C-alpha atoms as a PDB file:
ATOM      1  CA  UNK A   1     159.320 114.778 128.365  1.00  0.00           C
ATOM      2  CA  UNK A   2     156.983 113.316 125.758  1.00  0.00           C
ATOM      3  CA  UNK A   3     157.416 110.964 122.805  1.00  0.00           C
ATOM      4  CA  UNK A   4     160.578 111.437 120.754  1.00  0.00           C
ATOM      5  CA  UNK A   5     160.236 113.224 117.423  1.00  0.00           C
ATOM      6  CA  UNK A   6     161.139 110.145 115.374  1.00  0.00           C
ATOM      7  CA  UNK A   7     158.866 107.740 117.286  1.00  0.00           C
ATOM      8  CA  UNK A   8     156.638 107.249 114.238  1.00  0.00           C
ATOM      9  CA  UNK A   9     159.469 106.398 111.877  1.00  0.00           C
ATOM     10  CA  UNK A  10     160.278 102.826 110.916  1.00  0.00           C
ATOM     11  CA  UNK A  11     163.410 101.259 112.351  1.00  0.00           C
ATOM     12  CA  UNK A  12     165.097 101.464 108.938  1.00  0.00           C
ATOM     13  CA  UNK A  13     164.368 105.210 108.782  1.00  0.00           C
ATOM     14  CA  UNK A  14     165.826 106.018 112.186  1.00  0.00           C
ATOM     15  CA  UNK A  15     169.431 107.179 112.354  1.00  0.00           C
ATOM     16  CA  UNK A  16     169.872 105.110 115.512  1.00  0.00           C
ATOM     17  CA  UNK A  17     167.671 101.988 115.674  1.00  0.00           C
ATOM     18  CA  UNK A  18     168.289 101.873 119.426  1.00  0.00           C
ATOM     19  CA  UNK A  19     167.107 105.436 120.053  1.00  0.00           C
ATOM     20  CA  UNK A  20     164.091 105.577 122.390  1.00  0.00           C
ATOM     21  CA  UNK A  21     160.646 105.451 120.833  1.00  0.00           C
ATOM     22  CA  UNK A  22     159.324 107.241 123.920  1.00  0.00           C
ATOM     23  CA  UNK A  23     160.928 108.826 126.956  1.00  0.00           C
ATOM     24  CA  UNK A  24     159.135 110.372 129.895  1.00  0.00           C
ATOM     25  CA  UNK A  25     159.082 111.014 133.619  1.00  0.00           C
ATOM     26  CA  UNK A  26     156.101 108.973 134.809  1.00  0.00           C
ATOM     27  CA  UNK A  27     154.414 109.949 138.101  1.00  0.00           C
ATOM     28  CA  UNK A  28     153.759 106.934 140.299  1.00  0.00           C
ATOM     29  CA  UNK A  29     152.767 106.824 143.988  1.00  0.00           C
ATOM     30  CA  UNK A  30     154.119 108.506 147.133  1.00  0.00           C
ATOM     31  CA  UNK A  31     155.545 111.535 145.311  1.00  0.00           C
ATOM     32  CA  UNK A  32     157.929 109.514 143.142  1.00  0.00           C
ATOM     33  CA  UNK A  33     158.313 109.946 139.373  1.00  0.00           C
ATOM     34  CA  UNK A  34     160.238 107.334 137.415  1.00  0.00           C
ATOM     35  CA  UNK A  35     162.089 107.754 134.142  1.00  0.00           C
ATOM     36  CA  UNK A  36     160.674 105.346 131.544  1.00  0.00           C
ATOM     37  CA  UNK A  37     161.763 104.800 127.961  1.00  0.00           C
ATOM     38  CA  UNK A  38     160.810 102.310 125.266  1.00  0.00           C
ATOM     39  CA  UNK A  39     162.879 100.991 122.368  1.00  0.00           C
ATOM     40  CA  UNK A  40     162.452  98.731 119.352  1.00  0.00           C
ATOM     41  CA  UNK A  41     159.157  98.711 117.511  1.00  0.00           C
ATOM     42  CA  UNK A  42     155.546  98.988 118.538  1.00  0.00           C
ATOM     43  CA  UNK A  43     153.884  95.611 118.158  1.00  0.00           C
ATOM     44  CA  UNK A  44     157.128  93.806 118.926  1.00  0.00           C
ATOM     45  CA  UNK A  45     157.593  91.204 121.659  1.00  0.00           C
ATOM     46  CA  UNK A  46     156.992  93.008 124.978  1.00  0.00           C
ATOM     47  CA  UNK A  47     159.930  93.056 127.386  1.00  0.00           C
ATOM     48  CA  UNK A  48     161.213  95.029 130.355  1.00  0.00           C
ATOM     49  CA  UNK A  49     164.777  95.471 131.607  1.00  0.00           C
ATOM     50  CA  UNK A  50     165.578  95.854 135.319  1.00  0.00           C
ATOM     51  CA  UNK A  51     168.841  97.500 136.325  1.00  0.00           C
ATOM     52  CA  UNK A  52     170.936  96.498 139.294  1.00  0.00           C
ATOM     53  CA  UNK A  53     172.104  98.123 142.467  1.00  0.00           C
ATOM     54  CA  UNK A  54     169.609  98.808 143.848  1.00  0.00           C
ATOM     55  CA  UNK A  55     170.108 102.391 142.795  1.00  0.00           C
ATOM     56  CA  UNK A  56     172.297 102.244 139.694  1.00  0.00           C
ATOM     57  CA  UNK A  57     169.893 103.231 136.881  1.00  0.00           C
ATOM     58  CA  UNK A  58     169.646 102.118 133.250  1.00  0.00           C
ATOM     59  CA  UNK A  59     172.355 102.916 130.699  1.00  0.00           C
ATOM     60  CA  UNK A  60     172.020 103.550 126.927  1.00  0.00           C
ATOM     61  CA  UNK A  61     173.853 100.294 126.178  1.00  0.00           C
ATOM     62  CA  UNK A  62     171.111  98.312 127.926  1.00  0.00           C
ATOM     63  CA  UNK A  63     168.826  99.153 124.983  1.00  0.00           C
ATOM     64  CA  UNK A  64     171.121  97.117 122.747  1.00  0.00           C
ATOM     65  CA  UNK A  65     170.305  93.894 124.581  1.00  0.00           C
ATOM     66  CA  UNK A  66     167.041  93.815 122.599  1.00  0.00           C
ATOM     67  CA  UNK A  67     166.850  93.341 118.823  1.00  0.00           C
ATOM     68  CA  UNK A  68     164.949  96.471 117.710  1.00  0.00           C
ATOM     69  CA  UNK A  69     163.311  94.606 114.818  1.00  0.00           C
ATOM     70  CA  UNK A  70     161.909  92.009 117.161  1.00  0.00           C
ATOM     71  CA  UNK A  71     161.151  93.601 120.545  1.00  0.00           C
ATOM     72  CA  UNK A  72     159.175  96.420 122.088  1.00  0.00           C
ATOM     73  CA  UNK A  73     161.280  96.810 125.223  1.00  0.00           C
ATOM     74  CA  UNK A  74     160.833  99.119 128.192  1.00  0.00           C
ATOM     75  CA  UNK A  75     163.675 100.328 130.399  1.00  0.00           C
ATOM     76  CA  UNK A  76     163.164 102.400 133.520  1.00  0.00           C
ATOM     77  CA  UNK A  77     165.133 103.878 136.388  1.00  0.00           C
ATOM     78  CA  UNK A  78     163.781 102.539 139.660  1.00  0.00           C
ATOM     79  CA  UNK A  79     162.611 104.888 142.416  1.00  0.00           C
ATOM     80  CA  UNK A  80     165.324 107.313 143.459  1.00  0.00           C
ATOM     81  CA  UNK A  81     167.772 105.997 140.846  1.00  0.00           C
ATOM     82  CA  UNK A  82     169.238 107.465 137.668  1.00  0.00           C
ATOM     83  CA  UNK A  83     166.943 110.041 136.102  1.00  0.00           C
ATOM     84  CA  UNK A  84     163.993 109.273 138.389  1.00  0.00           C
ATOM     85  CA  UNK A  85     162.926 111.946 140.850  1.00  0.00           C
ATOM     86  CA  UNK A  86     163.371 112.862 143.629  1.00  0.00           C
ATOM     87  CA  UNK A  87     166.907 111.596 143.053  1.00  0.00           C
ATOM     88  CA  UNK A  88     168.142 109.340 145.820  1.00  0.00           C
ATOM     89  CA  UNK A  89     164.850 109.395 147.712  1.00  0.00           C
ATOM     90  CA  UNK A  90     164.498 106.362 149.969  1.00  0.00           C
ATOM     91  CA  UNK A  91     161.134 107.139 151.533  1.00  0.00           C
ATOM     92  CA  UNK A  92     158.400 104.826 150.218  1.00  0.00           C
ATOM     93  CA  UNK A  93     161.088 102.953 148.318  1.00  0.00           C
ATOM     94  CA  UNK A  94     160.586  99.204 148.804  1.00  0.00           C
ATOM     95  CA  UNK A  95     160.512  96.057 146.713  1.00  0.00           C
ATOM     96  CA  UNK A  96     156.711  96.049 146.827  1.00  0.00           C
ATOM     97  CA  UNK A  97     156.657  99.649 145.577  1.00  0.00           C
ATOM     98  CA  UNK A  98     158.966  98.769 142.655  1.00  0.00           C
ATOM     99  CA  UNK A  99     156.731  95.828 141.753  1.00  0.00           C
ATOM    100  CA  UNK A 100     153.728  98.162 141.783  1.00  0.00           C
ATOM    101  CA  UNK A 101     155.618 100.588 139.533  1.00  0.00           C
ATOM    102  CA  UNK A 102     156.258  97.776 137.062  1.00  0.00           C
ATOM    103  CA  UNK A 103     152.551  97.048 136.916  1.00  0.00           C
ATOM    104  CA  UNK A 104     151.875 100.747 136.281  1.00  0.00           C
ATOM    105  CA  UNK A 105     154.352 100.680 133.402  1.00  0.00           C
ATOM    106  CA  UNK A 106     152.988  97.432 131.947  1.00  0.00           C
ATOM    107  CA  UNK A 107     149.447  98.797 131.983  1.00  0.00           C
ATOM    108  CA  UNK A 108     150.592 102.086 130.451  1.00  0.00           C
ATOM    109  CA  UNK A 109     152.005 100.210 127.445  1.00  0.00           C
ATOM    110  CA  UNK A 110     148.972  97.879 127.300  1.00  0.00           C
ATOM    111  CA  UNK A 111     151.171  94.790 127.518  1.00  0.00           C
ATOM    112  CA  UNK A 112     149.234  91.716 128.578  1.00  0.00           C
ATOM    113  CA  UNK A 113     152.461  89.839 129.386  1.00  0.00           C
ATOM    114  CA  UNK A 114     156.135  90.631 128.963  1.00  0.00           C
ATOM    115  CA  UNK A 115     159.599  89.106 129.174  1.00  0.00           C
ATOM    116  CA  UNK A 116     161.311  90.277 132.350  1.00  0.00           C
ATOM    117  CA  UNK A 117     165.122  90.582 132.216  1.00  0.00           C
ATOM    118  CA  UNK A 118     167.560  91.757 134.868  1.00  0.00           C
ATOM    119  CA  UNK A 119     170.916  91.144 136.500  1.00  0.00           C
ATOM    120  CA  UNK A 120     172.123  91.071 140.113  1.00  0.00           C
ATOM    121  CA  UNK A 121     169.581  93.192 142.052  1.00  0.00           C
ATOM    122  CA  UNK A 122     167.659  93.351 138.750  1.00  0.00           C
ATOM    123  CA  UNK A 123     167.421  89.550 138.946  1.00  0.00           C
ATOM    124  CA  UNK A 124     166.053  89.813 142.497  1.00  0.00           C
ATOM    125  CA  UNK A 125     163.379  92.248 141.372  1.00  0.00           C
ATOM    126  CA  UNK A 126     162.576  90.155 138.273  1.00  0.00           C
ATOM    127  CA  UNK A 127     161.980  87.084 140.421  1.00  0.00           C
ATOM    128  CA  UNK A 128     159.985  88.948 143.073  1.00  0.00           C
ATOM    129  CA  UNK A 129     157.806  90.508 140.363  1.00  0.00           C
ATOM    130  CA  UNK A 130     157.280  87.177 138.587  1.00  0.00           C
ATOM    131  CA  UNK A 131     156.256  85.516 141.839  1.00  0.00           C
ATOM    132  CA  UNK A 132     153.820  88.348 142.599  1.00  0.00           C
ATOM    133  CA  UNK A 133     152.370  88.411 139.048  1.00  0.00           C
ATOM    134  CA  UNK A 134     153.175  85.108 137.323  1.00  0.00           C
ATOM    135  CA  UNK A 135     150.268  85.556 134.917  1.00  0.00           C
ATOM    136  CA  UNK A 136     151.891  88.731 133.578  1.00  0.00           C
ATOM    137  CA  UNK A 137     155.275  87.171 132.773  1.00  0.00           C
ATOM    138  CA  UNK A 138     155.880  85.384 129.472  1.00  0.00           C
ATOM    139  CA  UNK A 139     159.551  84.606 130.149  1.00  0.00           C
ATOM    140  CA  UNK A 140     162.482  85.520 132.398  1.00  0.00           C
ATOM    141  CA  UNK A 141     166.171  86.179 131.694  1.00  0.00           C
ATOM    142  CA  UNK A 142     168.504  86.544 134.659  1.00  0.00           C
ATOM    143  CA  UNK A 143     172.178  87.405 134.977  1.00  0.00           C
ATOM    144  CA  UNK A 144     174.114  86.881 138.212  1.00  0.00           C
ATOM    145  CA  UNK A 145     171.285  85.615 140.387  1.00  0.00           C
ATOM    146  CA  UNK A 146     170.889  87.464 143.692  1.00  0.00           C
ATOM    147  CA  UNK A 147     168.054  86.294 145.939  1.00  0.00           C
ATOM    148  CA  UNK A 148     168.136  89.305 148.258  1.00  0.00           C
ATOM    149  CA  UNK A 149     169.201  87.371 151.378  1.00  0.00           C
ATOM    150  CA  UNK A 150     171.486  88.306 154.225  1.00  0.00           C
ATOM    151  CA  UNK A 151     173.380  85.035 153.818  1.00  0.00           C
ATOM    152  CA  UNK A 152     174.459  86.104 150.321  1.00  0.00           C
ATOM    153  CA  UNK A 153     175.756  89.456 151.595  1.00  0.00           C
ATOM    154  CA  UNK A 154     177.611  87.830 154.477  1.00  0.00           C
ATOM    155  CA  UNK A 155     179.046  85.309 152.041  1.00  0.00           C
ATOM    156  CA  UNK A 156     180.359  87.964 149.656  1.00  0.00           C
ATOM    157  CA  UNK A 157     181.752  90.516 152.113  1.00  0.00           C
ATOM    158  CA  UNK A 158     182.677  88.420 155.163  1.00  0.00           C
ATOM    159  CA  UNK A 159     183.748  85.090 153.616  1.00  0.00           C
ATOM    160  CA  UNK A 160     184.650  85.477 149.941  1.00  0.00           C
ATOM    161  CA  UNK A 161     186.314  88.879 150.334  1.00  0.00           C
ATOM    162  CA  UNK A 162     188.951  87.775 152.914  1.00  0.00           C
ATOM    163  CA  UNK A 163     189.580  84.540 151.025  1.00  0.00           C
ATOM    164  CA  UNK A 164     190.256  86.130 147.635  1.00  0.00           C
ATOM    165  CA  UNK A 165     191.385  89.638 148.604  1.00  0.00           C
ATOM    166  CA  UNK A 166     192.756  89.517 152.164  1.00  0.00           C
ATOM    167  CA  UNK A 167     194.422  92.926 151.837  1.00  0.00           C
ATOM    168  CA  UNK A 168     191.220  94.519 150.579  1.00  0.00           C
ATOM    169  CA  UNK A 169     189.310  92.834 153.403  1.00  0.00           C
ATOM    170  CA  UNK A 170     191.688  94.391 155.913  1.00  0.00           C
ATOM    171  CA  UNK A 171     191.159  97.805 154.326  1.00  0.00           C
ATOM    172  CA  UNK A 172     187.382  97.310 154.402  1.00  0.00           C
ATOM    173  CA  UNK A 173     187.235  96.222 158.050  1.00  0.00           C
ATOM    174  CA  UNK A 174     189.909  98.445 159.590  1.00  0.00           C
ATOM    175  CA  UNK A 175     188.157 101.550 158.287  1.00  0.00           C
ATOM    176  CA  UNK A 176     185.696 100.856 161.118  1.00  0.00           C
ATOM    177  CA  UNK A 177     186.496 101.687 164.736  1.00  0.00           C
ATOM    178  CA  UNK A 178     187.700  98.531 166.470  1.00  0.00           C
ATOM    179  CA  UNK A 179     184.670  98.446 168.777  1.00  0.00           C
ATOM    180  CA  UNK A 180     182.334  98.321 165.755  1.00  0.00           C
ATOM    181  CA  UNK A 181     183.944  95.484 163.814  1.00  0.00           C
ATOM    182  CA  UNK A 182     181.876  92.630 165.245  1.00  0.00           C
ATOM    183  CA  UNK A 183     178.967  93.447 162.905  1.00  0.00           C
ATOM    184  CA  UNK A 184     180.718  95.191 160.020  1.00  0.00           C
ATOM    185  CA  UNK A 185     177.905  95.163 157.471  1.00  0.00           C
ATOM    186  CA  UNK A 186     175.356  96.694 159.837  1.00  0.00           C
ATOM    187  CA  UNK A 187     177.931  99.286 160.842  1.00  0.00           C
ATOM    188  CA  UNK A 188     178.677 100.165 157.227  1.00  0.00           C
ATOM    189  CA  UNK A 189     174.989 100.532 156.368  1.00  0.00           C
ATOM    190  CA  UNK A 190     174.320 102.641 159.462  1.00  0.00           C
ATOM    191  CA  UNK A 191     177.212 104.972 158.675  1.00  0.00           C
ATOM    192  CA  UNK A 192     176.318 105.210 154.980  1.00  0.00           C
ATOM    193  CA  UNK A 193     172.785 106.249 155.938  1.00  0.00           C
ATOM    194  CA  UNK A 194     173.994 108.821 158.491  1.00  0.00           C
ATOM    195  CA  UNK A 195     172.926 112.291 157.280  1.00  0.00           C
ATOM    196  CA  UNK A 196     176.319 113.787 158.171  1.00  0.00           C
ATOM    197  CA  UNK A 197     178.532 113.801 155.061  1.00  0.00           C
ATOM    198  CA  UNK A 198     181.649 113.604 157.226  1.00  0.00           C
ATOM    199  CA  UNK A 199     180.338 110.270 158.489  1.00  0.00           C
ATOM    200  CA  UNK A 200     178.815 108.729 155.374  1.00  0.00           C
ATOM    201  CA  UNK A 201     181.225 109.838 152.632  1.00  0.00           C
ATOM    202  CA  UNK A 202     184.243 107.575 153.365  1.00  0.00           C
ATOM    203  CA  UNK A 203     182.066 104.540 154.008  1.00  0.00           C
ATOM    204  CA  UNK A 204     179.994 105.057 150.863  1.00  0.00           C
ATOM    205  CA  UNK A 205     183.206 105.225 148.822  1.00  0.00           C
ATOM    206  CA  UNK A 206     184.718 102.204 150.570  1.00  0.00           C
ATOM    207  CA  UNK A 207     181.572 100.131 150.037  1.00  0.00           C
ATOM    208  CA  UNK A 208     181.359 101.132 146.370  1.00  0.00           C
ATOM    209  CA  UNK A 209     185.019 100.437 145.635  1.00  0.00           C
ATOM    210  CA  UNK A 210     185.062  97.100 147.472  1.00  0.00           C
ATOM    211  CA  UNK A 211     181.917  95.933 145.698  1.00  0.00           C
ATOM    212  CA  UNK A 212     183.344  96.988 142.350  1.00  0.00           C
ATOM    213  CA  UNK A 213     186.541  95.009 142.864  1.00  0.00           C
ATOM    214  CA  UNK A 214     184.507  91.936 143.818  1.00  0.00           C
ATOM    215  CA  UNK A 215     182.352  92.378 140.714  1.00  0.00           C
ATOM    216  CA  UNK A 216     185.195  92.280 138.174  1.00  0.00           C
ATOM    217  CA  UNK A 217     186.972  89.122 137.122  1.00  0.00           C
ATOM    218  CA  UNK A 218     190.173  91.097 136.440  1.00  0.00           C
ATOM    219  CA  UNK A 219     189.959  94.303 138.533  1.00  0.00           C
ATOM    220  CA  UNK A 220     192.447  97.074 137.810  1.00  0.00           C
ATOM    221  CA  UNK A 221     193.260  97.373 141.515  1.00  0.00           C
ATOM    222  CA  UNK A 222     192.757  95.182 144.555  1.00  0.00           C
ATOM    223  CA  UNK A 223     193.102  97.589 147.517  1.00  0.00           C
ATOM    224  CA  UNK A 224     191.211 100.639 148.731  1.00  0.00           C
ATOM    225  CA  UNK A 225     192.844 104.021 148.246  1.00  0.00           C
ATOM    226  CA  UNK A 226     192.466 105.038 151.877  1.00  0.00           C
ATOM    227  CA  UNK A 227     193.629 108.602 151.278  1.00  0.00           C
ATOM    228  CA  UNK A 228     190.899 109.273 148.710  1.00  0.00           C
ATOM    229  CA  UNK A 229     187.994 108.015 150.829  1.00  0.00           C
ATOM    230  CA  UNK A 230     187.632 111.372 152.585  1.00  0.00           C
ATOM    231  CA  UNK A 231     187.954 113.494 149.443  1.00  0.00           C
ATOM    232  CA  UNK A 232     185.411 116.211 148.704  1.00  0.00           C
ATOM    233  CA  UNK A 233     184.476 114.893 145.242  1.00  0.00           C
ATOM    234  CA  UNK A 234     181.075 113.567 144.185  1.00  0.00           C
ATOM    235  CA  UNK A 235     179.812 110.430 145.891  1.00  0.00           C
ATOM    236  CA  UNK A 236     178.566 107.258 144.167  1.00  0.00           C
ATOM    237  CA  UNK A 237     174.782 106.886 144.389  1.00  0.00           C
ATOM    238  CA  UNK A 238     174.375 103.134 144.767  1.00  0.00           C
ATOM    239  CA  UNK A 239     175.780 102.650 148.313  1.00  0.00           C
ATOM    240  CA  UNK A 240     172.977 104.731 149.796  1.00  0.00           C
ATOM    241  CA  UNK A 241     170.171 102.815 148.101  1.00  0.00           C
ATOM    242  CA  UNK A 242     171.919  99.506 148.723  1.00  0.00           C
ATOM    243  CA  UNK A 243     172.338 100.294 152.424  1.00  0.00           C
ATOM    244  CA  UNK A 244     168.641 101.195 152.604  1.00  0.00           C
ATOM    245  CA  UNK A 245     167.561  97.927 150.983  1.00  0.00           C
ATOM    246  CA  UNK A 246     170.127  95.627 152.574  1.00  0.00           C
ATOM    247  CA  UNK A 247     169.521  96.957 156.092  1.00  0.00           C
ATOM    248  CA  UNK A 248     165.850  96.054 155.549  1.00  0.00           C
ATOM    249  CA  UNK A 249     166.472  92.544 154.127  1.00  0.00           C
ATOM    250  CA  UNK A 250     165.490  93.861 150.683  1.00  0.00           C
ATOM    251  CA  UNK A 251     161.944  94.237 152.062  1.00  0.00           C
ATOM    252  CA  UNK A 252     161.303  90.521 151.647  1.00  0.00           C
ATOM    253  CA  UNK A 253     160.778  87.592 153.988  1.00  0.00           C
ATOM    254  CA  UNK A 254     163.844  85.429 154.696  1.00  0.00           C
ATOM    255  CA  UNK A 255     164.441  83.037 151.791  1.00  0.00           C
ATOM    256  CA  UNK A 256     161.263  84.318 150.127  1.00  0.00           C
ATOM    257  CA  UNK A 257     162.315  83.752 146.526  1.00  0.00           C
ATOM    258  CA  UNK A 258     163.424  80.133 146.888  1.00  0.00           C
ATOM    259  CA  UNK A 259     160.463  79.334 149.132  1.00  0.00           C
ATOM    260  CA  UNK A 260     158.073  80.613 146.461  1.00  0.00           C
ATOM    261  CA  UNK A 261     159.915  79.174 143.457  1.00  0.00           C
ATOM    262  CA  UNK A 262     156.879  77.021 142.632  1.00  0.00           C
ATOM    263  CA  UNK A 263     155.126  80.225 141.503  1.00  0.00           C
ATOM    264  CA  UNK A 264     157.536  80.310 138.540  1.00  0.00           C
ATOM    265  CA  UNK A 265     156.232  76.995 137.234  1.00  0.00           C
ATOM    266  CA  UNK A 266     155.466  77.149 133.525  1.00  0.00           C
ATOM    267  CA  UNK A 267     157.465  80.345 132.925  1.00  0.00           C
ATOM    268  CA  UNK A 268     160.403  79.680 130.564  1.00  0.00           C
ATOM    269  CA  UNK A 269     163.695  81.196 131.630  1.00  0.00           C
ATOM    270  CA  UNK A 270     167.435  81.359 131.104  1.00  0.00           C
ATOM    271  CA  UNK A 271     169.912  82.090 133.891  1.00  0.00           C
ATOM    272  CA  UNK A 272     173.272  83.494 132.736  1.00  0.00           C
ATOM    273  CA  UNK A 273     175.991  82.936 135.324  1.00  0.00           C
ATOM    274  CA  UNK A 274     179.652  83.923 135.380  1.00  0.00           C
ATOM    275  CA  UNK A 275     181.800  81.025 136.575  1.00  0.00           C
ATOM    276  CA  UNK A 276     183.925  83.266 138.805  1.00  0.00           C
ATOM    277  CA  UNK A 277     181.254  85.647 140.099  1.00  0.00           C
ATOM    278  CA  UNK A 278     182.367  86.491 143.657  1.00  0.00           C
ATOM    279  CA  UNK A 279     179.274  88.540 144.509  1.00  0.00           C
ATOM    280  CA  UNK A 280     176.601  86.174 143.161  1.00  0.00           C
ATOM    281  CA  UNK A 281     178.326  82.786 142.886  1.00  0.00           C
ATOM    282  CA  UNK A 282     177.139  79.882 140.718  1.00  0.00           C
ATOM    283  CA  UNK A 283     175.752  78.010 143.726  1.00  0.00           C
ATOM    284  CA  UNK A 284     172.928  80.540 143.982  1.00  0.00           C
ATOM    285  CA  UNK A 285     171.877  80.146 140.349  1.00  0.00           C
ATOM    286  CA  UNK A 286     172.168  76.381 140.710  1.00  0.00           C
ATOM    287  CA  UNK A 287     169.870  76.399 143.766  1.00  0.00           C
ATOM    288  CA  UNK A 288     167.297  78.472 141.902  1.00  0.00           C
ATOM    289  CA  UNK A 289     167.429  76.273 138.780  1.00  0.00           C
ATOM    290  CA  UNK A 290     166.912  73.179 140.948  1.00  0.00           C
ATOM    291  CA  UNK A 291     163.561  74.601 142.096  1.00  0.00           C
ATOM    292  CA  UNK A 292     162.571  76.080 138.725  1.00  0.00           C
ATOM    293  CA  UNK A 293     162.656  73.271 136.136  1.00  0.00           C
ATOM    294  CA  UNK A 294     161.490  75.558 133.317  1.00  0.00           C
ATOM    295  CA  UNK A 295     164.798  77.483 133.542  1.00  0.00           C
ATOM    296  CA  UNK A 296     168.052  76.704 131.768  1.00  0.00           C
ATOM    297  CA  UNK A 297     171.321  77.577 133.505  1.00  0.00           C
ATOM    298  CA  UNK A 298     174.080  78.817 131.177  1.00  0.00           C
ATOM    299  CA  UNK A 299     177.532  79.316 132.702  1.00  0.00           C
ATOM    300  CA  UNK A 300     179.963  81.755 131.097  1.00  0.00           C
ATOM    301  CA  UNK A 301     183.497  80.500 131.645  1.00  0.00           C
ATOM    302  CA  UNK A 302     186.206  83.031 132.479  1.00  0.00           C
ATOM    303  CA  UNK A 303     183.700  85.664 133.606  1.00  0.00           C
ATOM    304  CA  UNK A 304     182.802  87.277 136.895  1.00  0.00           C
ATOM    305  CA  UNK A 305     179.811  89.367 137.932  1.00  0.00           C
ATOM    306  CA  UNK A 306     179.499  92.299 135.553  1.00  0.00           C
ATOM    307  CA  UNK A 307     177.569  92.473 132.311  1.00  0.00           C
ATOM    308  CA  UNK A 308     180.793  93.530 130.604  1.00  0.00           C
ATOM    309  CA  UNK A 309     183.055  90.663 131.585  1.00  0.00           C
ATOM    310  CA  UNK A 310     184.027  88.689 128.447  1.00  0.00           C
ATOM    311  CA  UNK A 311     181.130  86.743 127.008  1.00  0.00           C
ATOM    312  CA  UNK A 312     178.464  87.846 129.477  1.00  0.00           C
ATOM    313  CA  UNK A 313     176.759  90.562 127.441  1.00  0.00           C
ATOM    314  CA  UNK A 314     176.536  88.325 124.368  1.00  0.00           C
ATOM    315  CA  UNK A 315     175.166  85.507 126.504  1.00  0.00           C
ATOM    316  CA  UNK A 316     172.439  87.779 127.881  1.00  0.00           C
ATOM    317  CA  UNK A 317     171.476  88.955 124.393  1.00  0.00           C
ATOM    318  CA  UNK A 318     171.335  85.355 123.198  1.00  0.00           C
ATOM    319  CA  UNK A 319     169.264  84.337 126.224  1.00  0.00           C
ATOM    320  CA  UNK A 320     166.713  87.116 125.583  1.00  0.00           C
ATOM    321  CA  UNK A 321     166.435  86.058 121.937  1.00  0.00           C
ATOM    322  CA  UNK A 322     166.115  82.373 122.865  1.00  0.00           C
ATOM    323  CA  UNK A 323     163.407  82.968 125.463  1.00  0.00           C
ATOM    324  CA  UNK A 324     161.490  85.022 122.893  1.00  0.00           C
ATOM    325  CA  UNK A 325     161.749  82.119 120.435  1.00  0.00           C
ATOM    326  CA  UNK A 326     160.442  79.691 123.025  1.00  0.00           C
ATOM    327  CA  UNK A 327     157.454  81.966 123.607  1.00  0.00           C
ATOM    328  CA  UNK A 328     156.643  82.708 119.968  1.00  0.00           C
ATOM    329  CA  UNK A 329     157.833  79.467 118.365  1.00  0.00           C
ATOM    330  CA  UNK A 330     159.931  81.521 115.929  1.00  0.00           C
END
């Protein structure tokens, strides 16, 4: 795929001002090709958006987080995710490789520095990238801070889950054989990564559905549908990439992001945090803000984890605009 046909038109001339300026499958290293698109206007404020998961991929609505009159924003599907190829490939898929891909993209667009925005796992990658290349980051916008640590995963699935959804926790744990319940997360990840579909399918669905319930402030259901876990329908993609990353400590040193928070010094940022986020609770964002004085923490009341809980999406858009104003003085 090459540049879109209307890439040379002004924003006012385009039928959809959020339509991609460019869209392509960009070869990177190790046999991976990543889907990259740009939106807004050439010459605008450079920015990049990092999706969550890992493994979820960018969505068309993510383009709308950036004012097309003001930004030249890049969105891409990380290795193995979304429209990137080979789809689902986990070989040579690490945090360091994703950071290297971001540098390839930045250089391709000839951006000297850019605003880095992302939520959940996208926040993890944004922080890891900024700490690796602080001189290439003009500002940071985070939603639902996740630092990529095992303590956060244990907190969400082994402490918060039984406290807030005891029935769901029972469903989640009792799906495992009794002898394998002492280390449930490791067992889930091992089974999800098992090549046998009869083994991985029910656990991939259970992980996905449990995580989704935890992510929503007002979920439509609060138990697993145990009869549907072994269905023959399509499987969600994210559990496989998440199991790969989480089983490997997100390919980072323990507590790496907080330990290296001083590398963010001088980079302006805004952290958007849902008050009732059960996956990435406010304490995590608070701990990061305490070590990063150039960041402002903004709590969205009545919201949980997802971008689409009430008030969160607007808060992220406002944060991106405000960080841009701090950088440009306009």
